[in-house]
Amino acid sequence: MDAVPPVEMVEQMNITQPIDAIPQLGSVTQLASTQSFGLWDMIANATFLVQCIIGLLLFMSLLSWSIIFFKIIQINLGRRKAIQERALFQNATNLADGVQILREQSGSALYPIAKKGLTEFRRLEQSSIHPNLKFRVAGDNLRRVLEQGVSESLGSMSKSLSFLATCSNSAPFIGLFGTVWGIMHSFHSIGQMKTAALAAVAPGISEALVVTAIGLAVAIPATIAFNTFLGMLNTVEVEMECFASDFLNRAQLELPWMSKGSE
């Protein structure tokens, strides 16, 4: 006589699984037990589209970290040079000596601004306009030229920071898209296997969530670095604008044709 299974086992099998899915339960459990939940294994088992999204996020991360390390050196050096060179310019005996001191500095942060001012001086001196008119337009012209020099110097320092902003804003959404796609693929596979067992659902969902984690890992450092660099650039901008004001004040005090009024 065949052994009769206990009533509790029969009821549990009838409640939790359809009859036609019972033979598949062992194979699903065996399949889940053979899958590894390591990071590289989950990436290797992901769909091709999800792998492409992960590759894009890794490229964005590599490029953003390269920009971060380069900007740390560039902006820190520029800020230190701006502070030191402004102090040297203020301690110079006159405008010509101050500009000469800046010219002698290796990789000067302020000399490009001073050079624009000197170019404007020569252009105004060689112009044939009346001295009274020259006096009136010289201050405004020089101020605009110095502001342009400050903007160009800051522009070179802030170059590539827009990519960090792009990474901080777009990386989480790119990762979320990969996660949604991976979960859709997992549910499609579950439907084909005709079972909703946790052992069959967990691997696919884990692979999909890895994309969101990678997206956040790209966005968080880029956001922190972008905001930090903006604060550092504000310090550099203040020093350069103060230097431009010092340059203009000295020019108006020391150059005769800029200090005389209408005759």
C-alpha atoms as a PDB file:
ATOM      1  CA  MET A   1       0.000   0.000   0.000  1.00  0.00           C
ATOM      2  CA  ASP A   2       1.266   3.460  -0.935  1.00  0.00           C
ATOM      3  CA  ALA A   3       2.066   5.860   1.860  1.00  0.00           C
ATOM      4  CA  VAL A   4      -0.506   8.658   2.232  1.00  0.00           C
ATOM      5  CA  PRO A   5       1.033  12.145   2.714  1.00  0.00           C
ATOM      6  CA  PRO A   6      -0.076  14.080   5.763  1.00  0.00           C
ATOM      7  CA  VAL A   7      -3.130  16.278   5.396  1.00  0.00           C
ATOM      8  CA  GLU A   8      -1.170  19.443   6.338  1.00  0.00           C
ATOM      9  CA  MET A   9       1.334  18.886   3.486  1.00  0.00           C
ATOM     10  CA  VAL A  10      -1.427  18.372   0.951  1.00  0.00           C
ATOM     11  CA  GLU A  11      -3.267  21.545   2.049  1.00  0.00           C
ATOM     12  CA  GLN A  12      -0.078  23.640   1.945  1.00  0.00           C
ATOM     13  CA  MET A  13       0.776  22.405  -1.545  1.00  0.00           C
ATOM     14  CA  ASN A  14      -2.746  23.162  -2.776  1.00  0.00           C
ATOM     15  CA  ILE A  15      -2.800  26.666  -1.269  1.00  0.00           C
ATOM     16  CA  THR A  16       0.606  27.962  -2.248  1.00  0.00           C
ATOM     17  CA  GLN A  17       1.148  26.423  -5.695  1.00  0.00           C
ATOM     18  CA  PRO A  18      -0.962  25.389  -8.642  1.00  0.00           C
ATOM     19  CA  ILE A  19      -0.839  21.692  -9.378  1.00  0.00           C
ATOM     20  CA  ASP A  20       0.875  22.190 -12.728  1.00  0.00           C
ATOM     21  CA  ALA A  21       3.610  24.341 -11.105  1.00  0.00           C
ATOM     22  CA  ILE A  22       4.559  21.834  -8.401  1.00  0.00           C
ATOM     23  CA  PRO A  23       7.016  19.882 -10.590  1.00  0.00           C
ATOM     24  CA  GLN A  24       8.781  23.150 -11.430  1.00  0.00           C
ATOM     25  CA  LEU A  25       9.344  24.158  -7.810  1.00  0.00           C
ATOM     26  CA  GLY A  26      12.380  21.965  -7.353  1.00  0.00           C
ATOM     27  CA  SER A  27      14.032  23.215 -10.517  1.00  0.00           C
ATOM     28  CA  VAL A  28      13.412  26.872  -9.564  1.00  0.00           C
ATOM     29  CA  THR A  29      14.902  26.361  -6.118  1.00  0.00           C
ATOM     30  CA  GLN A  30      17.898  24.591  -7.598  1.00  0.00           C
ATOM     31  CA  LEU A  31      18.369  27.398 -10.149  1.00  0.00           C
ATOM     32  CA  ALA A  32      18.231  30.091  -7.463  1.00  0.00           C
ATOM     33  CA  SER A  33      20.686  28.217  -5.280  1.00  0.00           C
ATOM     34  CA  THR A  34      23.233  28.081  -8.090  1.00  0.00           C
ATOM     35  CA  GLN A  35      23.046  31.858  -8.780  1.00  0.00           C
ATOM     36  CA  SER A  36      25.528  34.082  -7.029  1.00  0.00           C
ATOM     37  CA  PHE A  37      24.563  37.450  -5.581  1.00  0.00           C
ATOM     38  CA  GLY A  38      28.035  39.011  -5.933  1.00  0.00           C
ATOM     39  CA  LEU A  39      28.226  42.421  -7.598  1.00  0.00           C
ATOM     40  CA  TRP A  40      30.087  41.268 -10.696  1.00  0.00           C
ATOM     41  CA  ASP A  41      27.895  38.195 -11.025  1.00  0.00           C
ATOM     42  CA  MET A  42      24.753  40.326 -10.914  1.00  0.00           C
ATOM     43  CA  ILE A  43      26.172  42.661 -13.563  1.00  0.00           C
ATOM     44  CA  ALA A  44      27.178  39.695 -15.740  1.00  0.00           C
ATOM     45  CA  ASN A  45      23.686  38.167 -15.483  1.00  0.00           C
ATOM     46  CA  ALA A  46      21.881  41.431 -16.278  1.00  0.00           C
ATOM     47  CA  THR A  47      20.303  42.124 -19.657  1.00  0.00           C
ATOM     48  CA  PHE A  48      22.320  43.730 -22.443  1.00  0.00           C
ATOM     49  CA  LEU A  49      20.548  47.094 -22.106  1.00  0.00           C
ATOM     50  CA  VAL A  50      21.166  47.182 -18.362  1.00  0.00           C
ATOM     51  CA  GLN A  51      24.836  46.334 -18.945  1.00  0.00           C
ATOM     52  CA  CYS A  52      25.072  49.216 -21.442  1.00  0.00           C
ATOM     53  CA  ILE A  53      23.556  51.585 -18.870  1.00  0.00           C
ATOM     54  CA  ILE A  54      26.035  50.369 -16.252  1.00  0.00           C
ATOM     55  CA  GLY A  55      28.878  50.941 -18.718  1.00  0.00           C
ATOM     56  CA  LEU A  56      27.636  54.490 -19.377  1.00  0.00           C
ATOM     57  CA  LEU A  57      27.452  55.210 -15.640  1.00  0.00           C
ATOM     58  CA  LEU A  58      30.953  53.835 -15.080  1.00  0.00           C
ATOM     59  CA  PHE A  59      32.282  56.033 -17.894  1.00  0.00           C
ATOM     60  CA  MET A  60      30.575  59.064 -16.353  1.00  0.00           C
ATOM     61  CA  SER A  61      32.068  58.188 -12.977  1.00  0.00           C
ATOM     62  CA  LEU A  62      35.577  57.817 -14.398  1.00  0.00           C
ATOM     63  CA  LEU A  63      35.364  61.123 -16.249  1.00  0.00           C
ATOM     64  CA  SER A  64      33.857  62.994 -13.301  1.00  0.00           C
ATOM     65  CA  TRP A  65      36.555  61.754 -10.908  1.00  0.00           C
ATOM     66  CA  SER A  66      39.229  62.845 -13.399  1.00  0.00           C
ATOM     67  CA  ILE A  67      37.676  66.314 -13.494  1.00  0.00           C
ATOM     68  CA  ILE A  68      37.411  66.395  -9.694  1.00  0.00           C
ATOM     69  CA  PHE A  69      41.101  65.632  -9.140  1.00  0.00           C
ATOM     70  CA  PHE A  70      42.176  68.114 -11.822  1.00  0.00           C
ATOM     71  CA  LYS A  71      39.953  70.905 -10.495  1.00  0.00           C
ATOM     72  CA  ILE A  72      41.119  70.377  -6.927  1.00  0.00           C
ATOM     73  CA  ILE A  73      44.661  71.168  -8.073  1.00  0.00           C
ATOM     74  CA  GLN A  74      43.734  73.929 -10.534  1.00  0.00           C
ATOM     75  CA  ILE A  75      41.309  75.917  -8.365  1.00  0.00           C
ATOM     76  CA  ASN A  76      43.351  75.573  -5.181  1.00  0.00           C
ATOM     77  CA  LEU A  77      46.446  76.779  -7.023  1.00  0.00           C
ATOM     78  CA  GLY A  78      44.550  79.658  -8.610  1.00  0.00           C
ATOM     79  CA  ARG A  79      43.071  80.754  -5.292  1.00  0.00           C
ATOM     80  CA  ARG A  80      46.442  80.679  -3.553  1.00  0.00           C
ATOM     81  CA  LYS A  81      48.124  82.587  -6.383  1.00  0.00           C
ATOM     82  CA  ALA A  82      45.371  85.211  -6.481  1.00  0.00           C
ATOM     83  CA  ILE A  83      45.705  85.920  -2.759  1.00  0.00           C
ATOM     84  CA  GLN A  84      49.502  86.066  -2.833  1.00  0.00           C
ATOM     85  CA  GLU A  85      49.755  88.139  -6.008  1.00  0.00           C
ATOM     86  CA  ARG A  86      47.185  90.667  -4.864  1.00  0.00           C
ATOM     87  CA  ALA A  87      49.243  91.241  -1.705  1.00  0.00           C
ATOM     88  CA  LEU A  88      52.376  91.724  -3.830  1.00  0.00           C
ATOM     89  CA  PHE A  89      50.573  94.211  -6.067  1.00  0.00           C
ATOM     90  CA  GLN A  90      49.314  96.210  -3.096  1.00  0.00           C
ATOM     91  CA  ASN A  91      52.843  96.413  -1.650  1.00  0.00           C
ATOM     92  CA  ALA A  92      54.366  97.636  -4.926  1.00  0.00           C
ATOM     93  CA  THR A  93      55.516 101.257  -5.017  1.00  0.00           C
ATOM     94  CA  ASN A  94      53.606 102.130  -8.184  1.00  0.00           C
ATOM     95  CA  LEU A  95      51.422 100.650 -10.906  1.00  0.00           C
ATOM     96  CA  ALA A  96      54.302  99.827 -13.272  1.00  0.00           C
ATOM     97  CA  ASP A  97      56.246  97.971 -10.581  1.00  0.00           C
ATOM     98  CA  GLY A  98      53.138  96.083  -9.535  1.00  0.00           C
ATOM     99  CA  VAL A  99      52.471  94.897 -13.078  1.00  0.00           C
ATOM    100  CA  GLN A 100      56.119  93.915 -13.495  1.00  0.00           C
ATOM    101  CA  ILE A 101      55.960  91.833 -10.299  1.00  0.00           C
ATOM    102  CA  LEU A 102      52.884  90.020 -11.591  1.00  0.00           C
ATOM    103  CA  ARG A 103      54.598  89.398 -14.946  1.00  0.00           C
ATOM    104  CA  GLU A 104      57.507  87.690 -13.192  1.00  0.00           C
ATOM    105  CA  GLN A 105      55.236  85.248 -11.380  1.00  0.00           C
ATOM    106  CA  SER A 106      55.149  81.798 -12.959  1.00  0.00           C
ATOM    107  CA  GLY A 107      51.640  80.964 -14.126  1.00  0.00           C
ATOM    108  CA  SER A 108      50.256  84.191 -12.662  1.00  0.00           C
ATOM    109  CA  ALA A 109      46.545  84.294 -11.967  1.00  0.00           C
ATOM    110  CA  LEU A 110      46.274  88.105 -12.020  1.00  0.00           C
ATOM    111  CA  TYR A 111      48.697  89.138 -14.752  1.00  0.00           C
ATOM    112  CA  PRO A 112      46.270  88.258 -17.606  1.00  0.00           C
ATOM    113  CA  ILE A 113      43.838  90.760 -16.078  1.00  0.00           C
ATOM    114  CA  ALA A 114      46.546  93.403 -15.686  1.00  0.00           C
ATOM    115  CA  LYS A 115      47.699  92.773 -19.245  1.00  0.00           C
ATOM    116  CA  LYS A 116      44.243  93.598 -20.565  1.00  0.00           C
ATOM    117  CA  GLY A 117      44.325  96.816 -18.559  1.00  0.00           C
ATOM    118  CA  LEU A 118      47.707  97.777 -19.992  1.00  0.00           C
ATOM    119  CA  THR A 119      46.509  97.075 -23.522  1.00  0.00           C
ATOM    120  CA  GLU A 120      43.556  99.377 -22.960  1.00  0.00           C
ATOM    121  CA  PHE A 121      45.901 102.061 -21.558  1.00  0.00           C
ATOM    122  CA  ARG A 122      48.007 102.022 -24.726  1.00  0.00           C
ATOM    123  CA  ARG A 123      44.948 102.099 -26.942  1.00  0.00           C
ATOM    124  CA  LEU A 124      43.535 105.130 -25.109  1.00  0.00           C
ATOM    125  CA  GLU A 125      46.883 106.944 -25.063  1.00  0.00           C
ATOM    126  CA  GLN A 126      47.284 106.516 -28.803  1.00  0.00           C
ATOM    127  CA  SER A 127      43.747 107.608 -29.583  1.00  0.00           C
ATOM    128  CA  SER A 128      43.201 111.033 -31.121  1.00  0.00           C
ATOM    129  CA  ILE A 129      40.117 112.009 -29.106  1.00  0.00           C
ATOM    130  CA  HIS A 130      40.046 115.196 -27.045  1.00  0.00           C
ATOM    131  CA  PRO A 131      41.741 114.909 -23.598  1.00  0.00           C
ATOM    132  CA  ASN A 132      38.529 115.847 -21.799  1.00  0.00           C
ATOM    133  CA  LEU A 133      36.591 113.129 -23.608  1.00  0.00           C
ATOM    134  CA  LYS A 134      39.442 110.683 -23.101  1.00  0.00           C
ATOM    135  CA  PHE A 135      39.332 111.390 -19.371  1.00  0.00           C
ATOM    136  CA  ARG A 136      35.591 110.711 -19.246  1.00  0.00           C
ATOM    137  CA  VAL A 137      35.665 107.430 -21.163  1.00  0.00           C
ATOM    138  CA  ALA A 138      38.922 106.031 -19.786  1.00  0.00           C
ATOM    139  CA  GLY A 139      37.526 104.961 -16.425  1.00  0.00           C
ATOM    140  CA  ASP A 140      34.505 103.182 -17.886  1.00  0.00           C
ATOM    141  CA  ASN A 141      36.516 101.517 -20.630  1.00  0.00           C
ATOM    142  CA  LEU A 142      39.155 100.293 -18.222  1.00  0.00           C
ATOM    143  CA  ARG A 143      36.547  98.988 -15.805  1.00  0.00           C
ATOM    144  CA  ARG A 144      34.842  96.985 -18.535  1.00  0.00           C
ATOM    145  CA  VAL A 145      38.149  95.568 -19.764  1.00  0.00           C
ATOM    146  CA  LEU A 146      39.146  94.483 -16.247  1.00  0.00           C
ATOM    147  CA  GLU A 147      35.748  92.856 -15.708  1.00  0.00           C
ATOM    148  CA  GLN A 148      36.195  90.999 -18.976  1.00  0.00           C
ATOM    149  CA  GLY A 149      39.610  89.771 -17.807  1.00  0.00           C
ATOM    150  CA  VAL A 150      38.117  88.530 -14.548  1.00  0.00           C
ATOM    151  CA  SER A 151      35.337  86.707 -16.407  1.00  0.00           C
ATOM    152  CA  GLU A 152      37.793  85.028 -18.794  1.00  0.00           C
ATOM    153  CA  SER A 153      40.060  83.889 -15.955  1.00  0.00           C
ATOM    154  CA  LEU A 154      37.116  82.455 -14.021  1.00  0.00           C
ATOM    155  CA  GLY A 155      35.794  80.842 -17.193  1.00  0.00           C
ATOM    156  CA  SER A 156      38.995  78.880 -17.660  1.00  0.00           C
ATOM    157  CA  MET A 157      38.837  77.672 -14.050  1.00  0.00           C
ATOM    158  CA  SER A 158      35.157  76.720 -14.221  1.00  0.00           C
ATOM    159  CA  LYS A 159      35.514  74.825 -17.493  1.00  0.00           C
ATOM    160  CA  SER A 160      34.234  71.211 -17.283  1.00  0.00           C
ATOM    161  CA  LEU A 161      32.258  71.910 -14.096  1.00  0.00           C
ATOM    162  CA  SER A 162      29.080  71.706 -16.177  1.00  0.00           C
ATOM    163  CA  PHE A 163      29.805  68.002 -16.704  1.00  0.00           C
ATOM    164  CA  LEU A 164      29.799  67.482 -12.928  1.00  0.00           C
ATOM    165  CA  ALA A 165      26.423  69.208 -12.763  1.00  0.00           C
ATOM    166  CA  THR A 166      25.168  66.967 -15.570  1.00  0.00           C
ATOM    167  CA  CYS A 167      26.343  63.848 -13.727  1.00  0.00           C
ATOM    168  CA  SER A 168      24.764  64.936 -10.450  1.00  0.00           C
ATOM    169  CA  ASN A 169      21.402  65.602 -12.126  1.00  0.00           C
ATOM    170  CA  SER A 170      21.180  62.816 -14.700  1.00  0.00           C
ATOM    171  CA  ALA A 171      22.987  59.817 -13.184  1.00  0.00           C
ATOM    172  CA  PRO A 172      20.207  58.888 -10.691  1.00  0.00           C
ATOM    173  CA  PHE A 173      17.591  58.966 -13.467  1.00  0.00           C
ATOM    174  CA  ILE A 174      19.764  56.923 -15.813  1.00  0.00           C
ATOM    175  CA  GLY A 175      20.201  54.363 -13.035  1.00  0.00           C
ATOM    176  CA  LEU A 176      16.463  54.411 -12.340  1.00  0.00           C
ATOM    177  CA  PHE A 177      15.752  53.708 -15.998  1.00  0.00           C
ATOM    178  CA  GLY A 178      18.058  50.683 -15.868  1.00  0.00           C
ATOM    179  CA  THR A 179      16.344  49.492 -12.693  1.00  0.00           C
ATOM    180  CA  VAL A 180      12.865  49.775 -14.216  1.00  0.00           C
ATOM    181  CA  TRP A 181      14.000  47.922 -17.315  1.00  0.00           C
ATOM    182  CA  GLY A 182      15.621  45.169 -15.246  1.00  0.00           C
ATOM    183  CA  ILE A 183      12.527  44.715 -13.071  1.00  0.00           C
ATOM    184  CA  MET A 184      10.320  44.526 -16.175  1.00  0.00           C
ATOM    185  CA  HIS A 185      12.595  41.809 -17.548  1.00  0.00           C
ATOM    186  CA  SER A 186      12.465  39.954 -14.221  1.00  0.00           C
ATOM    187  CA  PHE A 187       8.660  39.967 -14.136  1.00  0.00           C
ATOM    188  CA  HIS A 188       8.574  38.755 -17.717  1.00  0.00           C
ATOM    189  CA  SER A 189      10.839  35.846 -16.775  1.00  0.00           C
ATOM    190  CA  ILE A 190       8.671  35.082 -13.740  1.00  0.00           C
ATOM    191  CA  GLY A 191       5.613  34.923 -15.976  1.00  0.00           C
ATOM    192  CA  GLN A 192       7.321  32.448 -18.268  1.00  0.00           C
ATOM    193  CA  MET A 193       8.344  30.258 -15.313  1.00  0.00           C
ATOM    194  CA  LYS A 194       4.771  30.369 -13.939  1.00  0.00           C
ATOM    195  CA  THR A 195       5.898  30.843 -10.360  1.00  0.00           C
ATOM    196  CA  ALA A 196       6.161  33.768  -7.966  1.00  0.00           C
ATOM    197  CA  ALA A 197       8.558  32.097  -5.555  1.00  0.00           C
ATOM    198  CA  LEU A 198      10.956  34.517  -3.844  1.00  0.00           C
ATOM    199  CA  ALA A 199      13.905  32.425  -4.975  1.00  0.00           C
ATOM    200  CA  ALA A 200      12.954  33.136  -8.589  1.00  0.00           C
ATOM    201  CA  VAL A 201      12.187  36.848  -8.104  1.00  0.00           C
ATOM    202  CA  ALA A 202      15.150  37.931  -5.955  1.00  0.00           C
ATOM    203  CA  PRO A 203      18.065  37.540  -8.441  1.00  0.00           C
ATOM    204  CA  GLY A 204      16.481  39.626 -11.191  1.00  0.00           C
ATOM    205  CA  ILE A 205      15.368  42.397  -8.850  1.00  0.00           C
ATOM    206  CA  SER A 206      18.797  42.494  -7.198  1.00  0.00           C
ATOM    207  CA  GLU A 207      20.478  42.874 -10.577  1.00  0.00           C
ATOM    208  CA  ALA A 208      18.119  45.728 -11.415  1.00  0.00           C
ATOM    209  CA  LEU A 209      18.664  47.591  -8.142  1.00  0.00           C
ATOM    210  CA  VAL A 210      22.426  47.519  -8.682  1.00  0.00           C
ATOM    211  CA  VAL A 211      21.948  50.055 -11.490  1.00  0.00           C
ATOM    212  CA  THR A 212      20.268  52.534  -9.140  1.00  0.00           C
ATOM    213  CA  ALA A 213      23.098  52.096  -6.622  1.00  0.00           C
ATOM    214  CA  ILE A 214      25.699  52.772  -9.310  1.00  0.00           C
ATOM    215  CA  GLY A 215      23.777  55.858 -10.466  1.00  0.00           C
ATOM    216  CA  LEU A 216      23.766  57.246  -6.926  1.00  0.00           C
ATOM    217  CA  ALA A 217      27.472  56.436  -6.569  1.00  0.00           C
ATOM    218  CA  VAL A 218      28.114  58.589  -9.640  1.00  0.00           C
ATOM    219  CA  ALA A 219      25.803  61.459  -8.657  1.00  0.00           C
ATOM    220  CA  ILE A 220      26.728  61.952  -4.991  1.00  0.00           C
ATOM    221  CA  PRO A 221      30.483  62.703  -5.445  1.00  0.00           C
ATOM    222  CA  ALA A 222      29.743  64.878  -8.484  1.00  0.00           C
ATOM    223  CA  THR A 223      27.207  66.937  -6.517  1.00  0.00           C
ATOM    224  CA  ILE A 224      29.514  67.413  -3.533  1.00  0.00           C
ATOM    225  CA  ALA A 225      32.456  68.353  -5.760  1.00  0.00           C
ATOM    226  CA  PHE A 226      30.403  70.765  -7.879  1.00  0.00           C
ATOM    227  CA  ASN A 227      29.115  72.689  -4.856  1.00  0.00           C
ATOM    228  CA  THR A 228      32.579  72.730  -3.265  1.00  0.00           C
ATOM    229  CA  PHE A 229      34.188  74.089  -6.423  1.00  0.00           C
ATOM    230  CA  LEU A 230      31.547  76.816  -6.714  1.00  0.00           C
ATOM    231  CA  GLY A 231      32.447  77.999  -3.219  1.00  0.00           C
ATOM    232  CA  MET A 232      36.154  77.980  -4.070  1.00  0.00           C
ATOM    233  CA  LEU A 233      35.526  79.903  -7.287  1.00  0.00           C
ATOM    234  CA  ASN A 234      33.593  82.538  -5.364  1.00  0.00           C
ATOM    235  CA  THR A 235      36.710  83.136  -3.261  1.00  0.00           C
ATOM    236  CA  VAL A 236      38.856  83.453  -6.393  1.00  0.00           C
ATOM    237  CA  GLU A 237      36.308  85.803  -7.964  1.00  0.00           C
ATOM    238  CA  VAL A 238      36.365  88.086  -4.919  1.00  0.00           C
ATOM    239  CA  GLU A 239      40.165  88.290  -5.017  1.00  0.00           C
ATOM    240  CA  MET A 240      40.206  89.040  -8.754  1.00  0.00           C
ATOM    241  CA  GLU A 241      37.514  91.704  -8.499  1.00  0.00           C
ATOM    242  CA  CYS A 242      39.360  93.352  -5.602  1.00  0.00           C
ATOM    243  CA  PHE A 243      42.548  93.304  -7.686  1.00  0.00           C
ATOM    244  CA  ALA A 244      40.694  94.903 -10.602  1.00  0.00           C
ATOM    245  CA  SER A 245      39.478  97.666  -8.268  1.00  0.00           C
ATOM    246  CA  ASP A 246      42.999  98.200  -6.918  1.00  0.00           C
ATOM    247  CA  PHE A 247      44.348  98.354 -10.473  1.00  0.00           C
ATOM    248  CA  LEU A 248      41.753 100.922 -11.529  1.00  0.00           C
ATOM    249  CA  ASN A 249      42.291 103.071  -8.431  1.00  0.00           C
ATOM    250  CA  ARG A 250      46.051 103.152  -8.967  1.00  0.00           C
ATOM    251  CA  ALA A 251      45.615 103.991 -12.625  1.00  0.00           C
ATOM    252  CA  GLN A 252      43.346 106.930 -11.838  1.00  0.00           C
ATOM    253  CA  LEU A 253      45.737 108.230  -9.146  1.00  0.00           C
ATOM    254  CA  GLU A 254      49.066 107.728 -10.927  1.00  0.00           C
ATOM    255  CA  LEU A 255      48.355 108.402 -14.594  1.00  0.00           C
ATOM    256  CA  PRO A 256      48.122 112.139 -15.288  1.00  0.00           C
ATOM    257  CA  TRP A 257      45.749 111.998 -18.243  1.00  0.00           C
ATOM    258  CA  MET A 258      43.302 109.880 -16.202  1.00  0.00           C
ATOM    259  CA  SER A 259      43.375 112.138 -13.132  1.00  0.00           C
ATOM    260  CA  LYS A 260      42.809 115.553 -14.673  1.00  0.00           C
ATOM    261  CA  GLY A 261      39.414 116.992 -15.282  1.00  0.00           C
ATOM    262  CA  SER A 262      38.116 119.180 -17.994  1.00  0.00           C
ATOM    263  CA  GLU A 263      40.220 122.236 -18.695  1.00  0.00           C
END
